[in-house]
N, C-alpha and C. Protein backbone atom coordinates (compact mmCIF):
# COMPACT_ATOMS: atom_id res chain seq x y z
N UNK A 1 86.02 29.05 -12.14
CA UNK A 1 85.38 27.87 -11.63
C UNK A 1 84.47 28.24 -10.48
N UNK A 2 83.35 27.58 -10.40
CA UNK A 2 82.35 27.92 -9.41
C UNK A 2 82.56 27.11 -8.13
N UNK A 3 83.44 27.60 -7.29
CA UNK A 3 83.68 26.97 -5.99
C UNK A 3 83.23 27.94 -4.92
N UNK A 4 82.84 27.42 -3.77
CA UNK A 4 82.51 28.33 -2.67
C UNK A 4 83.77 29.04 -2.21
N UNK A 5 83.59 30.20 -1.64
CA UNK A 5 84.75 30.94 -1.14
C UNK A 5 85.35 30.18 0.03
N UNK A 6 86.64 30.40 0.31
CA UNK A 6 87.26 29.72 1.45
C UNK A 6 86.52 29.99 2.75
N UNK A 7 86.01 31.21 2.93
CA UNK A 7 85.28 31.53 4.16
C UNK A 7 84.02 30.67 4.28
N UNK A 8 83.29 30.49 3.16
CA UNK A 8 82.08 29.67 3.18
C UNK A 8 82.41 28.22 3.48
N UNK A 9 83.51 27.73 2.91
CA UNK A 9 83.90 26.34 3.11
C UNK A 9 84.27 26.08 4.56
N UNK A 10 85.04 26.98 5.14
CA UNK A 10 85.43 26.82 6.54
C UNK A 10 84.20 26.88 7.43
N UNK A 11 83.30 27.82 7.13
CA UNK A 11 82.09 27.94 7.94
C UNK A 11 81.25 26.68 7.85
N UNK A 12 81.12 26.11 6.67
CA UNK A 12 80.34 24.89 6.51
C UNK A 12 80.98 23.72 7.24
N UNK A 13 82.29 23.62 7.16
CA UNK A 13 83.00 22.52 7.81
C UNK A 13 82.84 22.62 9.33
N UNK A 14 83.09 23.77 9.88
CA UNK A 14 82.95 23.93 11.32
C UNK A 14 81.50 23.81 11.76
N UNK A 15 80.58 24.26 10.93
CA UNK A 15 79.17 24.15 11.27
C UNK A 15 78.74 22.70 11.37
N UNK A 16 79.35 21.83 10.56
CA UNK A 16 78.98 20.42 10.58
C UNK A 16 79.58 19.68 11.77
N UNK A 17 80.73 20.12 12.27
CA UNK A 17 81.44 19.36 13.28
C UNK A 17 81.58 20.05 14.63
N UNK A 18 81.20 21.29 14.72
CA UNK A 18 81.39 22.01 15.96
C UNK A 18 80.04 22.20 16.65
N UNK A 19 79.96 21.94 17.94
CA UNK A 19 78.67 22.02 18.63
C UNK A 19 78.04 23.41 18.62
N UNK A 20 78.84 24.44 18.48
CA UNK A 20 78.27 25.80 18.47
C UNK A 20 77.92 26.28 17.07
N UNK A 21 78.04 25.43 16.08
CA UNK A 21 77.65 25.80 14.72
C UNK A 21 78.70 26.65 14.02
N UNK A 22 78.26 27.49 13.10
CA UNK A 22 79.16 28.25 12.25
C UNK A 22 79.90 29.37 12.98
N UNK A 23 79.54 29.65 14.21
CA UNK A 23 80.23 30.69 14.98
C UNK A 23 81.66 30.27 15.30
N UNK A 24 81.98 29.02 15.08
CA UNK A 24 83.31 28.52 15.40
C UNK A 24 84.38 29.08 14.46
N UNK A 25 84.00 29.66 13.33
CA UNK A 25 84.97 30.24 12.42
C UNK A 25 85.81 31.30 13.12
N UNK A 26 85.21 32.01 14.05
CA UNK A 26 85.94 33.04 14.78
C UNK A 26 87.07 32.43 15.61
N UNK A 27 87.02 31.13 15.88
CA UNK A 27 88.06 30.49 16.66
C UNK A 27 89.34 30.25 15.87
N UNK A 28 89.31 30.37 14.56
CA UNK A 28 90.52 30.25 13.76
C UNK A 28 91.35 31.52 13.92
N UNK A 29 92.63 31.35 14.13
CA UNK A 29 93.49 32.52 14.22
C UNK A 29 93.65 33.13 12.83
N UNK A 30 94.14 34.34 12.77
CA UNK A 30 94.35 34.98 11.47
C UNK A 30 95.32 34.16 10.64
N UNK A 31 96.33 33.59 11.27
CA UNK A 31 97.29 32.75 10.57
C UNK A 31 96.61 31.52 9.97
N UNK A 32 95.75 30.87 10.75
CA UNK A 32 95.04 29.70 10.26
C UNK A 32 94.09 30.07 9.12
N UNK A 33 93.43 31.21 9.26
CA UNK A 33 92.54 31.67 8.19
C UNK A 33 93.32 31.92 6.90
N UNK A 34 94.52 32.47 7.02
CA UNK A 34 95.32 32.71 5.81
C UNK A 34 95.76 31.40 5.18
N UNK A 35 96.04 30.40 5.99
CA UNK A 35 96.42 29.09 5.45
C UNK A 35 95.26 28.49 4.65
N UNK A 36 94.06 28.56 5.21
CA UNK A 36 92.88 28.01 4.53
C UNK A 36 92.63 28.77 3.22
N UNK A 37 92.71 30.10 3.27
CA UNK A 37 92.49 30.89 2.06
C UNK A 37 93.53 30.59 1.00
N UNK A 38 94.79 30.46 1.39
CA UNK A 38 95.85 30.14 0.43
C UNK A 38 95.66 28.77 -0.18
N UNK A 39 95.20 27.82 0.63
CA UNK A 39 94.96 26.47 0.13
C UNK A 39 93.94 26.52 -1.02
N UNK A 40 92.82 27.19 -0.79
CA UNK A 40 91.79 27.25 -1.82
C UNK A 40 92.19 28.13 -3.00
N UNK A 41 93.00 29.14 -2.75
CA UNK A 41 93.47 29.99 -3.84
C UNK A 41 94.39 29.21 -4.79
N UNK A 42 95.11 28.23 -4.26
CA UNK A 42 96.06 27.47 -5.06
C UNK A 42 95.59 26.05 -5.37
N UNK A 43 94.32 25.78 -5.15
CA UNK A 43 93.79 24.43 -5.36
C UNK A 43 93.92 23.98 -6.81
N UNK A 44 93.65 24.87 -7.76
CA UNK A 44 93.76 24.51 -9.18
C UNK A 44 95.17 24.06 -9.52
N UNK A 45 96.15 24.80 -9.05
CA UNK A 45 97.54 24.47 -9.33
C UNK A 45 97.91 23.12 -8.73
N UNK A 46 97.47 22.87 -7.51
CA UNK A 46 97.76 21.61 -6.84
C UNK A 46 97.09 20.44 -7.57
N UNK A 47 95.85 20.64 -8.00
CA UNK A 47 95.15 19.58 -8.73
C UNK A 47 95.82 19.27 -10.06
N UNK A 48 96.27 20.31 -10.76
CA UNK A 48 96.95 20.08 -12.04
C UNK A 48 98.27 19.34 -11.84
N UNK A 49 99.00 19.69 -10.82
CA UNK A 49 100.25 19.00 -10.53
C UNK A 49 99.98 17.52 -10.21
N UNK A 50 98.96 17.30 -9.39
CA UNK A 50 98.60 15.94 -9.02
C UNK A 50 98.16 15.14 -10.25
N UNK A 51 97.39 15.77 -11.14
CA UNK A 51 96.97 15.08 -12.36
C UNK A 51 98.17 14.69 -13.22
N UNK A 52 99.16 15.57 -13.29
CA UNK A 52 100.38 15.24 -14.04
C UNK A 52 101.06 14.01 -13.47
N UNK A 53 101.11 13.91 -12.16
CA UNK A 53 101.71 12.75 -11.52
C UNK A 53 100.87 11.50 -11.76
N UNK A 54 99.55 11.68 -11.77
CA UNK A 54 98.67 10.53 -11.97
C UNK A 54 98.74 10.00 -13.40
N UNK A 55 99.04 10.87 -14.36
CA UNK A 55 99.21 10.40 -15.74
C UNK A 55 100.38 9.42 -15.79
N UNK A 56 101.47 9.77 -15.13
CA UNK A 56 102.63 8.88 -15.07
C UNK A 56 102.27 7.56 -14.42
N UNK A 57 101.55 7.63 -13.30
CA UNK A 57 101.13 6.42 -12.59
C UNK A 57 100.22 5.56 -13.46
N UNK A 58 99.38 6.22 -14.26
CA UNK A 58 98.42 5.50 -15.10
C UNK A 58 99.13 4.67 -16.17
N UNK A 59 100.25 5.17 -16.69
CA UNK A 59 101.01 4.41 -17.68
C UNK A 59 101.48 3.09 -17.10
N UNK A 60 101.76 3.05 -15.80
CA UNK A 60 102.33 1.87 -15.16
C UNK A 60 101.30 0.99 -14.46
N UNK A 61 100.12 1.52 -14.18
CA UNK A 61 99.13 0.80 -13.37
C UNK A 61 98.38 -0.25 -14.18
N UNK A 62 97.94 -1.28 -13.45
CA UNK A 62 97.13 -2.34 -14.05
C UNK A 62 96.05 -2.76 -13.06
N UNK A 63 94.98 -3.34 -13.58
CA UNK A 63 93.96 -3.95 -12.74
C UNK A 63 93.22 -2.99 -11.84
N UNK A 64 93.05 -3.41 -10.58
CA UNK A 64 92.27 -2.62 -9.61
C UNK A 64 92.93 -1.27 -9.33
N UNK A 65 94.25 -1.26 -9.30
CA UNK A 65 94.94 0.00 -9.04
C UNK A 65 94.64 1.01 -10.13
N UNK A 66 94.56 0.54 -11.36
CA UNK A 66 94.26 1.43 -12.48
C UNK A 66 92.83 1.99 -12.36
N UNK A 67 91.88 1.15 -11.95
CA UNK A 67 90.50 1.61 -11.76
C UNK A 67 90.41 2.66 -10.65
N UNK A 68 91.10 2.41 -9.54
CA UNK A 68 91.10 3.39 -8.44
C UNK A 68 91.72 4.70 -8.89
N UNK A 69 92.76 4.60 -9.70
CA UNK A 69 93.43 5.79 -10.21
C UNK A 69 92.50 6.59 -11.11
N UNK A 70 91.76 5.90 -11.98
CA UNK A 70 90.81 6.59 -12.85
C UNK A 70 89.71 7.28 -12.04
N UNK A 71 89.27 6.66 -10.96
CA UNK A 71 88.25 7.28 -10.11
C UNK A 71 88.78 8.58 -9.51
N UNK A 72 90.01 8.54 -9.04
CA UNK A 72 90.63 9.73 -8.47
C UNK A 72 90.83 10.81 -9.53
N UNK A 73 91.26 10.40 -10.70
CA UNK A 73 91.48 11.34 -11.81
C UNK A 73 90.17 12.01 -12.20
N UNK A 74 89.10 11.23 -12.29
CA UNK A 74 87.79 11.79 -12.65
C UNK A 74 87.34 12.82 -11.63
N UNK A 75 87.58 12.55 -10.36
CA UNK A 75 87.22 13.53 -9.32
C UNK A 75 88.01 14.81 -9.44
N UNK A 76 89.31 14.69 -9.72
CA UNK A 76 90.15 15.88 -9.87
C UNK A 76 89.72 16.70 -11.08
N UNK A 77 89.40 16.01 -12.18
CA UNK A 77 88.96 16.73 -13.38
C UNK A 77 87.64 17.45 -13.13
N UNK A 78 86.75 16.82 -12.39
CA UNK A 78 85.47 17.46 -12.07
C UNK A 78 85.69 18.71 -11.23
N UNK A 79 86.60 18.63 -10.25
CA UNK A 79 86.90 19.80 -9.41
C UNK A 79 87.50 20.94 -10.23
N UNK A 80 88.17 20.60 -11.33
CA UNK A 80 88.76 21.62 -12.19
C UNK A 80 87.74 22.19 -13.18
N UNK A 81 86.53 21.67 -13.17
CA UNK A 81 85.48 22.21 -14.03
C UNK A 81 85.43 21.62 -15.42
N UNK A 82 86.05 20.47 -15.62
CA UNK A 82 85.99 19.80 -16.92
C UNK A 82 84.59 19.20 -17.06
N UNK A 83 83.94 19.38 -18.22
CA UNK A 83 82.60 18.83 -18.40
C UNK A 83 82.57 17.31 -18.21
N UNK A 84 81.51 16.81 -17.60
CA UNK A 84 81.40 15.38 -17.31
C UNK A 84 81.47 14.54 -18.58
N UNK A 85 80.91 15.04 -19.68
CA UNK A 85 80.96 14.28 -20.94
C UNK A 85 82.41 14.06 -21.39
N UNK A 86 83.24 15.07 -21.20
CA UNK A 86 84.67 14.95 -21.58
C UNK A 86 85.39 13.98 -20.65
N UNK A 87 85.07 14.05 -19.36
CA UNK A 87 85.68 13.13 -18.40
C UNK A 87 85.31 11.70 -18.76
N UNK A 88 84.03 11.46 -19.05
CA UNK A 88 83.57 10.12 -19.40
C UNK A 88 84.26 9.59 -20.66
N UNK A 89 84.42 10.46 -21.66
CA UNK A 89 85.06 10.06 -22.90
C UNK A 89 86.50 9.63 -22.67
N UNK A 90 87.24 10.42 -21.91
CA UNK A 90 88.64 10.09 -21.63
C UNK A 90 88.73 8.83 -20.79
N UNK A 91 87.85 8.71 -19.82
CA UNK A 91 87.89 7.52 -18.95
C UNK A 91 87.54 6.25 -19.71
N UNK A 92 86.53 6.32 -20.58
CA UNK A 92 86.14 5.14 -21.35
C UNK A 92 87.25 4.71 -22.31
N UNK A 93 88.02 5.67 -22.80
CA UNK A 93 89.11 5.32 -23.72
C UNK A 93 90.22 4.58 -22.98
N UNK A 94 90.33 4.81 -21.66
CA UNK A 94 91.36 4.18 -20.83
C UNK A 94 92.76 4.40 -21.43
N UNK A 95 92.94 5.60 -21.99
CA UNK A 95 94.19 5.94 -22.67
C UNK A 95 94.91 7.05 -21.91
N UNK A 96 96.07 6.73 -21.39
CA UNK A 96 96.85 7.72 -20.63
C UNK A 96 97.30 8.87 -21.53
N UNK A 97 97.50 8.60 -22.80
CA UNK A 97 97.93 9.68 -23.72
C UNK A 97 96.82 10.72 -23.89
N UNK A 98 95.58 10.25 -24.00
CA UNK A 98 94.47 11.20 -24.12
C UNK A 98 94.35 12.04 -22.85
N UNK A 99 94.55 11.40 -21.71
CA UNK A 99 94.51 12.14 -20.45
C UNK A 99 95.65 13.16 -20.41
N UNK A 100 96.83 12.76 -20.86
CA UNK A 100 97.97 13.68 -20.87
C UNK A 100 97.68 14.89 -21.75
N UNK A 101 97.02 14.67 -22.87
CA UNK A 101 96.65 15.77 -23.76
C UNK A 101 95.68 16.72 -23.06
N UNK A 102 94.72 16.16 -22.36
CA UNK A 102 93.75 16.98 -21.62
C UNK A 102 94.44 17.79 -20.52
N UNK A 103 95.35 17.16 -19.81
CA UNK A 103 96.09 17.87 -18.76
C UNK A 103 96.90 19.00 -19.37
N UNK A 104 97.52 18.78 -20.52
CA UNK A 104 98.28 19.83 -21.20
C UNK A 104 97.37 21.00 -21.57
N UNK A 105 96.16 20.71 -22.04
CA UNK A 105 95.19 21.77 -22.36
C UNK A 105 94.86 22.58 -21.10
N UNK A 106 94.64 21.88 -19.99
CA UNK A 106 94.31 22.56 -18.75
C UNK A 106 95.48 23.41 -18.26
N UNK A 107 96.69 22.91 -18.42
CA UNK A 107 97.87 23.69 -18.03
C UNK A 107 98.02 24.94 -18.89
N UNK A 108 97.68 24.82 -20.16
CA UNK A 108 97.78 25.98 -21.07
C UNK A 108 96.78 27.07 -20.68
N UNK A 109 95.61 26.66 -20.16
CA UNK A 109 94.61 27.63 -19.71
C UNK A 109 95.03 28.34 -18.44
N UNK A 110 95.79 27.62 -17.60
CA UNK A 110 96.20 28.14 -16.30
C UNK A 110 97.24 29.15 -16.48
């Protein structure tokens, strides 16, 4: 998946919010840097776990809550590199079973 490296992400975040710009990355301790790197290294696993939980929630959700859930699911699928056309197809079907099948496919790839 084409994500920026953890170092680039931290630099961009600090550059946007720190008055001294991207030089603020040096202010992170080695421990903090390892936490950030581990977070991004395990992001796929965390997203897949979250999607599994959201499938369960989707079976029970109705109305506005269901729409908000689909928005969150679409964002997670996009972060995992699922093509937008596939995301749109699953979302338009509004079928939790189709989503569960897609999550199973993603888990099999992982």
